[in-house]
Protein backbone atom coordinates (compact mmCIF):
# COMPACT_ATOMS: atom_id res chain seq x y z
CA UNK A 1 -4.58 -23.57 -15.36
CA UNK A 2 -4.30 -24.43 -10.86
CA UNK A 3 -7.00 -23.74 -9.21
CA UNK A 4 -5.05 -22.86 -5.95
CA UNK A 5 -1.62 -20.55 -5.59
CA UNK A 6 0.72 -19.89 -2.75
CA UNK A 7 0.34 -15.89 -2.67
CA UNK A 8 2.17 -13.31 -1.09
CA UNK A 9 1.23 -9.53 -0.12
CA UNK A 10 4.50 -7.52 0.07
CA UNK A 11 4.25 -4.69 2.34
CA UNK A 12 6.39 -1.67 3.41
CA UNK A 13 8.79 -2.96 6.76
CA UNK A 14 6.83 -2.22 9.72
CA UNK A 15 3.24 -2.11 8.40
CA UNK A 16 3.16 -6.41 7.47
CA UNK A 17 0.77 -6.47 10.76
CA UNK A 18 -1.80 -4.16 9.51
CA UNK A 19 -1.86 -6.00 6.02
CA UNK A 20 -2.19 -9.45 7.98
CA UNK A 21 -4.84 -7.89 10.36
CA UNK A 22 -6.53 -7.15 6.34
CA UNK A 23 -6.26 -10.37 5.27
CA UNK A 24 -7.97 -11.93 8.08
CA UNK A 25 -10.82 -9.70 8.11
CA UNK A 26 -11.25 -10.97 4.41
CA UNK A 27 -12.05 -14.23 5.87
CA UNK A 28 -8.16 -15.57 4.76
CA UNK A 29 -5.54 -17.77 7.10
CA UNK A 30 -2.35 -16.27 6.80
CA UNK A 31 1.73 -16.37 7.88
CA UNK A 32 3.47 -12.61 8.42
CA UNK A 33 6.77 -12.40 7.42
CA UNK A 34 9.21 -9.88 7.30
CA UNK A 35 8.39 -7.50 3.98
CA UNK A 36 5.52 -9.61 3.43
CA UNK A 37 2.55 -11.53 4.48
CA UNK A 38 1.72 -15.28 2.92
CA UNK A 39 -1.91 -16.73 2.27
CA UNK A 40 -3.63 -19.23 -0.49
CA UNK A 41 -6.12 -19.19 -2.50
CA UNK A 42 -7.67 -19.56 -5.88
CA UNK A 43 -8.24 -16.63 -8.36
CA UNK A 44 -10.91 -14.78 -6.32
CA UNK A 45 -8.61 -14.50 -3.39
CA UNK A 46 -6.29 -12.86 -5.99
CA UNK A 47 -9.21 -10.37 -7.06
CA UNK A 48 -10.07 -10.03 -3.72
CA UNK A 49 -7.38 -9.35 -2.16
CA UNK A 50 -6.45 -6.78 -5.01
CA UNK A 51 -9.42 -5.10 -4.65
CA UNK A 52 -9.68 -4.35 -1.33
CA UNK A 53 -6.30 -4.38 0.76
CA UNK A 54 -5.32 -0.83 1.63
CA UNK A 55 -1.99 -1.08 3.34
CA UNK A 56 -0.09 -3.96 0.94
CA UNK A 57 2.11 -2.68 -1.80
CA UNK A 58 1.30 -6.11 -4.32
CA UNK A 59 -0.09 -8.98 -4.77
CA UNK A 60 2.41 -12.10 -5.97
CA UNK A 61 1.80 -16.08 -6.87
CA UNK A 62 4.81 -17.68 -5.61
CA UNK A 63 5.63 -20.25 -8.67
CA UNK A 64 8.59 -21.82 -6.79
CA UNK A 65 11.09 -22.05 -4.32
CA UNK A 66 14.48 -23.77 -4.83
CA UNK A 67 18.50 -24.44 -3.46
CA UNK A 68 20.20 -21.60 -6.36
CA UNK A 69 24.01 -21.16 -5.47
CA UNK A 70 25.04 -22.14 -9.42
CA UNK A 71 23.96 -20.72 -12.48
CA UNK A 72 23.22 -24.14 -13.75
CA UNK A 73 21.14 -24.60 -10.50
CA UNK A 74 19.15 -21.57 -11.18
CA UNK A 75 18.42 -22.96 -14.79
CA UNK A 76 17.11 -26.14 -13.82
CA UNK A 77 15.27 -24.44 -10.89
CA UNK A 78 13.14 -22.19 -12.85
CA UNK A 79 13.42 -24.91 -16.17
CA UNK A 80 11.30 -27.27 -13.41
CA UNK A 81 9.01 -25.16 -12.12
CA UNK A 82 5.10 -25.70 -14.00
CA UNK A 83 5.16 -22.88 -16.26
CA UNK A 84 2.26 -24.42 -18.60
CA UNK A 85 0.13 -23.97 -15.59
CA UNK A 86 0.03 -20.44 -15.56
CA UNK A 87 1.79 -18.84 -19.18
CA UNK A 88 -0.72 -19.05 -22.09
CA UNK A 89 1.28 -19.78 -26.03
CA UNK A 90 1.78 -16.41 -27.19
CA UNK A 91 1.74 -13.71 -23.46
CA UNK A 92 4.47 -12.05 -22.60
CA UNK A 93 6.42 -12.99 -19.75
CA UNK A 94 9.49 -10.48 -18.91
CA UNK A 95 11.89 -11.21 -15.72
CA UNK A 96 10.78 -7.89 -14.89
CA UNK A 97 13.20 -8.22 -12.01
CA UNK A 98 15.65 -9.81 -10.03
CA UNK A 99 17.05 -9.35 -6.70
CA UNK A 100 20.36 -11.07 -4.99
CA UNK A 101 21.16 -10.39 -1.43
CA UNK A 102 24.05 -12.71 0.62
CA UNK A 103 24.32 -15.25 -2.39
CA UNK A 104 26.69 -16.65 -4.36
CA UNK A 105 24.94 -15.67 -7.25
CA UNK A 106 24.91 -11.70 -7.35
CA UNK A 107 24.80 -10.78 -10.70
CA UNK A 108 21.06 -9.65 -11.09
CA UNK A 109 21.12 -9.26 -14.94
CA UNK A 110 22.84 -12.62 -15.78
CA UNK A 111 20.22 -14.19 -13.00
CA UNK A 112 17.39 -12.58 -15.52
CA UNK A 113 18.67 -13.75 -18.61
CA UNK A 114 19.35 -17.42 -17.18
CA UNK A 115 15.53 -17.28 -15.90
CA UNK A 116 14.65 -16.13 -19.16
CA UNK A 117 16.16 -18.64 -21.27
CA UNK A 118 15.19 -21.53 -18.71
CA UNK A 119 10.79 -20.51 -18.70
CA UNK A 120 11.47 -20.08 -22.72
CA UNK A 121 12.97 -23.58 -22.48
CA UNK A 122 10.13 -25.06 -20.60
CA UNK A 123 7.23 -23.42 -23.11
CA UNK A 124 8.77 -24.83 -25.96
CA UNK A 125 9.01 -28.39 -24.63
CA UNK A 126 5.24 -27.88 -23.33
CA UNK A 127 3.91 -26.52 -26.49
CA UNK A 128 6.36 -28.29 -29.03
CA UNK A 129 7.49 -25.64 -30.60
CA UNK A 130 10.93 -25.57 -32.07
CA UNK A 131 14.28 -24.81 -29.79
CA UNK A 132 15.64 -22.18 -32.80
CA UNK A 133 12.39 -20.49 -33.34
CA UNK A 134 11.75 -17.54 -30.87
CA UNK A 135 8.23 -17.53 -28.74
CA UNK A 136 6.07 -15.02 -30.23
CA UNK A 137 5.36 -12.50 -27.20
CA UNK A 138 2.27 -10.89 -28.03
CA UNK A 139 -0.67 -11.67 -25.44
CA UNK A 140 -1.08 -10.58 -22.14
CA UNK A 141 1.68 -9.64 -19.82
CA UNK A 142 2.89 -11.59 -16.72
CA UNK A 143 6.15 -9.89 -14.93
CA UNK A 144 8.09 -12.40 -13.40
CA UNK A 145 9.97 -11.60 -10.67
CA UNK A 146 13.28 -14.07 -9.01
CA UNK A 147 14.76 -12.83 -5.47
CA UNK A 148 17.52 -14.89 -4.21
CA UNK A 149 18.54 -14.89 -0.43
CA UNK A 150 20.75 -16.84 1.11
CA UNK A 151 21.29 -18.87 -2.55
CA UNK A 152 17.82 -19.90 -1.93
CA UNK A 153 15.44 -18.77 -5.12
CA UNK A 154 12.46 -17.61 -4.76
CA UNK A 155 9.98 -17.25 -8.13
CA UNK A 156 7.15 -15.01 -8.55
CA UNK A 157 4.71 -13.32 -10.49
CA UNK A 158 3.10 -10.22 -9.71
CA UNK A 159 -0.87 -10.39 -10.21
CA UNK A 160 -1.47 -6.33 -9.59
CA UNK A 161 0.95 -4.26 -12.26
CA UNK A 162 1.16 -0.39 -11.06
CA UNK A 163 1.60 -1.10 -7.14
CA UNK A 164 -1.84 -0.97 -4.96
CA UNK A 165 -0.86 2.42 -3.56
CA UNK A 166 -2.43 3.74 -6.94
CA UNK A 167 -5.95 4.22 -6.12
CA UNK A 168 -6.80 6.07 -9.42
CA UNK A 169 -8.11 9.00 -7.78
CA UNK A 170 -4.81 11.28 -6.80
CA UNK A 171 -4.75 13.07 -10.57
CA UNK A 172 -2.22 15.51 -8.77
CA UNK A 173 0.20 15.65 -5.91
CA UNK A 174 2.00 17.33 -3.73
CA UNK A 175 5.87 17.52 -3.70
CA UNK A 176 6.59 14.62 -1.21
CA UNK A 177 3.09 13.13 -0.60
CA UNK A 178 2.27 10.03 1.41
CA UNK A 179 1.67 7.03 -0.47
CA UNK A 180 -2.26 6.03 -0.32
CA UNK A 181 -1.10 2.66 1.32
CA UNK A 182 1.06 4.17 3.73
CA UNK A 183 -1.72 6.04 4.96
CA UNK A 184 -4.42 3.78 5.32
CA UNK A 185 -2.11 1.86 7.07
CA UNK A 186 -1.22 4.84 9.76
CA UNK A 187 -5.06 5.21 10.18
CA UNK A 188 -5.65 1.53 10.94
CA UNK A 189 -2.46 2.17 13.37
CA UNK A 190 -4.32 4.67 15.10
CA UNK A 191 -7.55 5.17 17.34
CA UNK A 192 -9.79 6.70 14.33
CA UNK A 193 -12.69 5.28 14.31
CA UNK A 194 -15.67 7.04 11.97
CA UNK A 195 -17.63 8.07 14.77
CA UNK A 196 -14.49 10.23 15.95
CA UNK A 197 -13.64 14.03 14.48
CA UNK A 198 -10.60 13.61 12.26
CA UNK A 199 -8.45 16.25 11.79
CA UNK A 200 -5.52 16.61 8.90
CA UNK A 201 -3.78 20.54 9.42
CA UNK A 202 -0.86 19.63 6.78
CA UNK A 203 -2.75 17.97 4.65
CA UNK A 204 -1.29 18.48 1.32
CA UNK A 205 -2.91 16.43 -1.47
CA UNK A 206 -5.55 15.36 0.93
CA UNK A 207 -3.94 11.70 0.93
CA UNK A 208 -4.89 11.37 4.79
CA UNK A 209 -8.77 12.40 4.34
CA UNK A 210 -9.20 10.56 1.61
CA UNK A 211 -8.02 7.13 2.54
CA UNK A 212 -10.07 8.06 6.06
CA UNK A 213 -13.36 8.43 4.18
CA UNK A 214 -12.87 5.51 2.13
CA UNK A 215 -12.28 3.16 5.38
CA UNK A 216 -15.08 4.78 6.85
CA UNK A 217 -17.27 4.22 4.02
CA UNK A 218 -16.14 1.01 2.84
CA UNK A 219 -15.22 1.80 -0.35
CA UNK A 220 -12.62 -0.96 -2.09
CA UNK A 221 -9.23 0.63 -2.85
CA UNK A 222 -8.93 -0.58 -5.93
CA UNK A 223 -12.02 0.01 -7.75
CA UNK A 224 -11.34 2.40 -9.76
CA UNK A 225 -8.18 1.15 -11.11
CA UNK A 226 -7.25 -1.84 -13.29
CA UNK A 227 -4.72 -4.57 -12.10
CA UNK A 228 -2.83 -7.14 -14.33
CA UNK A 229 -4.86 -9.88 -14.04
CA UNK A 230 -7.80 -8.93 -15.57
CA UNK A 231 -5.74 -9.20 -18.79
CA UNK A 232 -4.85 -13.06 -18.01
CA UNK A 233 -7.52 -15.56 -19.87
CA UNK A 234 -7.64 -18.21 -17.02
CA UNK A 235 -9.16 -15.28 -14.67
CA UNK A 236 -12.72 -15.13 -15.85
CA UNK A 237 -14.07 -11.85 -16.32
CA UNK A 238 -17.03 -12.90 -15.35
CA UNK A 239 -15.96 -13.07 -11.87
CA UNK A 240 -13.99 -9.86 -11.83
CA UNK A 241 -17.47 -8.05 -12.61
CA UNK A 242 -19.15 -9.77 -10.21
CA UNK A 243 -16.55 -9.26 -7.05
CA UNK A 244 -16.21 -5.46 -8.28
CA UNK A 245 -20.19 -5.32 -8.72
CA UNK A 246 -20.33 -6.66 -4.72
CA UNK A 247 -17.59 -4.17 -3.31
CA UNK A 248 -19.79 -1.22 -5.14
CA UNK A 249 -22.70 -2.94 -3.26
CA UNK A 250 -20.83 -2.84 0.05
CA UNK A 251 -20.55 0.99 0.11
CA UNK A 252 -21.61 2.49 3.37
CA UNK A 253 -24.38 5.46 2.57
CA UNK A 254 -25.50 5.65 6.20
CA UNK A 255 -22.51 7.63 7.41
CA UNK A 256 -21.69 11.28 8.25
CA UNK A 257 -18.10 11.75 8.72
CA UNK A 258 -16.56 14.81 10.38
CA UNK A 259 -13.18 14.76 8.70
CA UNK A 260 -10.87 18.44 7.91
CA UNK A 261 -8.02 18.64 5.70
CA UNK A 262 -6.23 21.92 5.95
CA UNK A 263 -3.19 23.61 4.36
CA UNK A 264 -0.73 26.81 4.37
CA UNK A 265 -0.71 26.53 0.22
CA UNK A 266 -3.80 27.10 -1.27
CA UNK A 267 -2.81 25.38 -4.39
CA UNK A 268 -2.76 22.25 -2.77
CA UNK A 269 -5.96 22.39 -1.10
CA UNK A 270 -7.92 22.93 -4.16
CA UNK A 271 -5.85 19.74 -5.43
CA UNK A 272 -7.00 17.92 -2.27
CA UNK A 273 -10.68 18.79 -3.47
CA UNK A 274 -10.37 17.68 -6.33
CA UNK A 275 -8.48 14.36 -5.48
CA UNK A 276 -11.70 14.14 -2.93
CA UNK A 277 -13.81 14.32 -6.11
CA UNK A 278 -12.38 11.42 -7.95
CA UNK A 279 -12.31 9.29 -5.00
CA UNK A 280 -16.39 10.10 -4.41
CA UNK A 281 -15.69 11.21 -0.79
CA UNK A 282 -15.90 15.22 -1.45
CA UNK A 283 -18.81 15.25 0.58
CA UNK A 284 -17.73 13.84 3.53
CA UNK A 285 -14.36 16.37 3.53
CA UNK A 286 -14.03 19.63 4.62
CA UNK A 287 -10.72 21.21 2.80
CA UNK A 288 -9.40 24.69 3.64
CA UNK A 289 -6.57 26.83 3.36
CA UNK A 290 -5.38 27.42 6.76
CA UNK A 291 -1.87 27.58 8.55
CA UNK A 292 -1.32 24.91 11.48
CA UNK A 293 -1.21 27.35 14.27
CA UNK A 294 -4.53 28.51 13.59
CA UNK A 295 -6.06 25.32 14.49
CA UNK A 296 -8.99 25.82 16.92
CA UNK A 297 -11.61 23.32 17.90
CA UNK A 298 -14.65 23.26 20.43
CA UNK A 299 -14.63 19.20 19.54
CA UNK A 300 -13.87 16.43 22.31
CA UNK A 301 -12.15 12.96 21.65
CA UNK A 302 -10.34 13.72 17.92
CA UNK A 303 -7.47 12.66 16.04
CA UNK A 304 -5.22 14.56 14.44
CA UNK A 305 -3.07 13.03 12.28
CA UNK A 306 0.01 14.83 10.22
CA UNK A 307 2.60 14.04 7.89
CA UNK A 308 4.58 17.37 8.11
CA UNK A 309 7.69 18.47 6.30
CA UNK A 310 10.51 16.84 7.03
CA UNK A 311 13.80 15.10 6.09
CA UNK A 312 13.99 15.90 2.31
CA UNK A 313 10.81 17.55 2.31
CA UNK A 314 12.02 20.79 1.42
CA UNK A 315 12.49 22.84 4.82
CA UNK A 316 15.27 24.14 5.95
CA UNK A 317 16.49 23.06 9.96
CA UNK A 318 15.08 26.45 11.41
CA UNK A 319 11.79 26.44 9.52
CA UNK A 320 11.35 22.58 10.56
CA UNK A 321 11.99 23.80 14.57
CA UNK A 322 9.45 26.46 14.64
CA UNK A 323 7.19 24.23 12.64
CA UNK A 324 6.93 21.46 15.36
CA UNK A 325 7.76 24.06 18.28
CA UNK A 326 4.51 25.57 16.68
CA UNK A 327 2.78 22.10 16.31
CA UNK A 328 3.25 21.74 20.45
CA UNK A 329 1.85 24.30 21.64
CA UNK A 330 -1.44 24.37 19.28
CA UNK A 331 -2.06 20.92 19.64
CA UNK A 332 -1.34 21.18 23.40
CA UNK A 333 -4.33 22.82 24.63
CA UNK A 334 -6.67 19.94 22.73
CA UNK A 335 -6.28 17.36 25.97
CA UNK A 336 -9.19 14.64 24.60
CA UNK A 337 -7.46 14.80 21.31
CA UNK A 338 -5.12 12.00 20.19
CA UNK A 339 -2.10 12.83 18.02
CA UNK A 340 -0.48 10.35 15.31
CA UNK A 341 2.55 12.55 13.54
CA UNK A 342 4.86 11.31 11.40
CA UNK A 343 8.37 12.31 10.42
CA UNK A 344 11.97 10.86 10.46
CA UNK A 345 13.35 13.78 12.64
CA UNK A 346 14.61 11.97 15.55
CA UNK A 347 14.56 15.33 17.67
CA UNK A 348 10.97 15.60 17.09
CA UNK A 349 9.73 15.00 20.77
CA UNK A 350 11.99 17.57 21.96
CA UNK A 351 10.97 20.41 19.54
CA UNK A 352 7.46 19.33 19.86
CA UNK A 353 7.72 19.90 23.73
CA UNK A 354 6.68 16.11 24.85
CA UNK A 355 7.43 12.67 24.76
CA UNK A 356 5.28 10.70 22.52
CA UNK A 357 3.12 7.90 24.57
CA UNK A 358 4.25 5.36 21.78
CA UNK A 359 6.74 5.43 19.16
CA UNK A 360 6.47 2.96 15.49
CA UNK A 361 9.48 2.81 13.36
CA UNK A 362 8.03 2.83 9.33
CA UNK A 363 9.54 3.56 6.56
CA UNK A 364 8.09 6.28 4.06
CA UNK A 365 10.13 4.54 0.60
CA UNK A 366 13.64 4.22 1.62
CA UNK A 367 13.78 6.56 4.22
CA UNK A 368 13.19 5.43 7.94
CA UNK A 369 10.31 7.37 10.09
CA UNK A 370 8.89 7.21 13.10
CA UNK A 371 5.22 7.41 14.21
CA UNK A 372 4.62 9.61 16.86
CA UNK A 373 1.47 8.62 19.31
CA UNK A 374 0.24 10.57 21.73
CA UNK A 375 -3.28 9.49 23.21
CA UNK A 376 -5.82 12.08 24.34
CA UNK A 377 -7.41 11.80 27.63
CA UNK A 378 -10.78 10.33 27.06
CA UNK A 379 -14.02 11.53 28.24
CA UNK A 380 -17.89 10.97 27.59
CA UNK A 381 -19.99 12.62 25.32
CA UNK A 382 -23.38 12.98 25.11
CA UNK A 383 -23.62 12.64 21.08
CA UNK A 384 -24.66 9.15 19.60
CA UNK A 385 -22.02 6.92 17.97
CA UNK A 386 -22.29 6.08 14.16
CA UNK A 387 -21.45 3.12 12.84
């Protein structure tokens, strides 16, 4: 099996630079591209990146790239790849995804079928199996993806399994929750640090608060879940165990955090509390049922972060207008607090009553949203900085 791999960390549009910074913090050289960040590494890097990346979607191995203007070129290109260095005899290897964009080949089911046939032929040849006898697929699963962009094919193997946003702590969620990896990215795009107070006044199932506590305590986001690569026979199980133990030992126990979440829906507050317990950060967050309009604080230099209802998120236009107006009025007295608000409403600033200092375009799933950023007036505090 191979010792070094070309890897990509996939990311939602607008979050690639955040993922790139995370990879650099792990000590990797990387190249940021649209929708992904490229880097290289061995099995250790596959394990570490899955364990530690907070903002990425998945980690994939690039098996190969080649021109694919015809189905024959596609077949020969896939057949020519070194599948014997990835796929052991008896494993499952579905072509789980095919995507064709601006290419002569556009029938995605046909791309899947031809790619599968090419991999089967290559494995039959390598493992000296008769062509007429089907390969048994009963072992670990290696999900293969084929992407064709402008007649150029990229063939990948997904190392992650369920998307990285699935941390394993969210047992329950609300009607339209923010994904954990997007919440983590927005926290990293904000000016919040663990020594500052943080409030989410529309906390829902508690994702922002939980991700903030995990970030502050250096809790690896993948610590409570499993990954596809853990079933692969060429991934050293002792190495996986060692890196998990190192991640556990890296958790910071020496912090006192000031994180609060509130929501008008008491049922959601109870769900948030349960999720915080599952994440191991229940002692770091105060959750309570409260209307956004009742938010008051004498603390300074804090950060408000909010993913209020918008667009598809169940409120009528009049309710949205009222909510954003009341939000603006409630936050206005908090002069030293920075505010980061995610919404798809293009009239948000008008309804909020202020123009943002900065606006960043993101995508919450397929929905285009903006992160409106309002920076507080910094004043000196007498308190000791933590961390």
